[in-house]
Structure formats: C-alpha cells, structure tokens
C-alpha cells in the first residue's frame, strides 16, 4: 500500500502550501494596512496635489483676452 502513503504525503504537502500562502496573504495585508496608516497621517498640501508625475509643478495656461471692437461702419 505505498500508494496510500503517497496520497497522505501529497495531502500534507498541499496543506503546508495552503498554510504558507495564507501566511503570505496575511503579511501582505498587514503591510498594506501599515502603508495606508502612514498615508492617512501624511501632511498633504495643495501644492503636493498639483504636481505632475515627474515632480514638476504644472503651469496653468494663461487665457488670451479678446478685445471686442465695434466697427465704425456699423450703425
């Protein structure tokens, strides 16, 4: 009955692998919670929000003002 021992060994390997994966998931969730806690406590100003991904502040484009002229020919 060596096949029975192989079945039990395979089941034990599967159980250990599932326990290892559960521990890794718990560790990752813990790291994510810690990062979220740090992020929530960070002092974020409006200047930080307006920066683009390259670390440079974006500049707002100036709008051109159009002067409305009245034609002298129009009555």
Protein backbone atom coordinates (compact mmCIF):
# COMPACT_ATOMS: atom_id res chain seq x y z
CA UNK A 1 0.00 0.00 0.00
CA UNK A 2 2.72 2.52 -0.83
CA UNK A 3 0.22 4.49 -2.88
CA UNK A 4 -1.72 5.29 0.30
CA UNK A 5 1.40 6.84 1.83
CA UNK A 6 1.89 8.90 -1.32
CA UNK A 7 -1.68 10.19 -1.08
CA UNK A 8 -1.18 11.23 2.55
CA UNK A 9 2.16 12.87 1.76
CA UNK A 10 0.61 14.76 -1.14
CA UNK A 11 -2.22 15.93 1.11
CA UNK A 12 0.26 17.09 3.78
CA UNK A 13 2.28 18.98 1.13
CA UNK A 14 -0.92 20.61 -0.13
CA UNK A 15 -1.94 21.60 3.42
CA UNK A 16 1.51 23.09 4.15
CA UNK A 17 1.42 25.02 0.88
CA UNK A 18 -2.03 26.45 1.70
CA UNK A 19 -0.82 27.48 5.19
CA UNK A 20 2.23 29.16 3.65
CA UNK A 21 0.05 31.05 1.13
CA UNK A 22 -2.33 32.15 3.91
CA UNK A 23 0.60 33.45 5.96
CA UNK A 24 1.92 35.38 2.92
CA UNK A 25 -1.54 36.90 2.33
CA UNK A 26 -1.76 37.94 5.98
CA UNK A 27 1.71 39.52 5.82
CA UNK A 28 0.84 41.42 2.64
CA UNK A 29 -2.43 42.65 4.14
CA UNK A 30 -0.53 43.80 7.23
CA UNK A 31 1.97 45.72 5.08
CA UNK A 32 -0.86 47.34 3.13
CA UNK A 33 -2.62 48.41 6.33
CA UNK A 34 0.63 49.93 7.64
CA UNK A 35 1.20 51.80 4.37
CA UNK A 36 -2.37 53.09 4.41
CA UNK A 37 -1.94 54.26 8.00
CA UNK A 38 1.23 56.17 7.04
CA UNK A 39 -0.51 57.68 4.01
CA UNK A 40 -3.52 58.81 6.04
CA UNK A 41 -1.28 60.50 8.60
CA UNK A 42 0.85 62.27 5.97
CA UNK A 43 0.57 66.04 5.72
CA UNK A 44 -0.61 66.69 2.17
CA UNK A 45 -0.86 70.27 0.93
CA UNK A 46 -2.47 71.68 -2.19
CA UNK A 47 0.99 72.21 -3.71
CA UNK A 48 1.67 68.47 -3.48
CA UNK A 49 -1.56 67.63 -5.27
CA UNK A 50 -0.85 69.92 -8.24
CA UNK A 51 2.49 68.31 -9.02
CA UNK A 52 2.55 66.03 -12.01
CA UNK A 53 4.23 62.60 -12.09
CA UNK A 54 7.64 63.99 -12.98
CA UNK A 55 7.94 66.05 -9.80
CA UNK A 56 7.46 69.34 -11.62
CA UNK A 57 4.64 71.68 -10.89
CA UNK A 58 2.33 72.10 -13.82
CA UNK A 59 1.74 75.62 -15.00
CA UNK A 60 -1.71 76.87 -15.82
CA UNK A 61 -2.02 78.31 -19.28
CA UNK A 62 -2.90 81.95 -19.42
CA UNK A 63 -6.09 82.76 -21.22
CA UNK A 64 -5.91 85.30 -24.02
CA UNK A 65 -8.37 88.11 -23.68
CA UNK A 66 -10.07 89.11 -26.88
CA UNK A 67 -10.96 92.73 -27.22
CA UNK A 68 -14.32 93.33 -28.79
CA UNK A 69 -14.09 96.17 -31.22
CA UNK A 70 -17.05 97.89 -32.67
CA UNK A 71 -16.79 98.69 -36.33
CA UNK A 72 -17.27 102.37 -37.16
CA UNK A 73 -19.15 101.34 -40.31
CA UNK A 74 -21.92 99.53 -38.41
CA UNK A 75 -24.75 101.84 -37.34
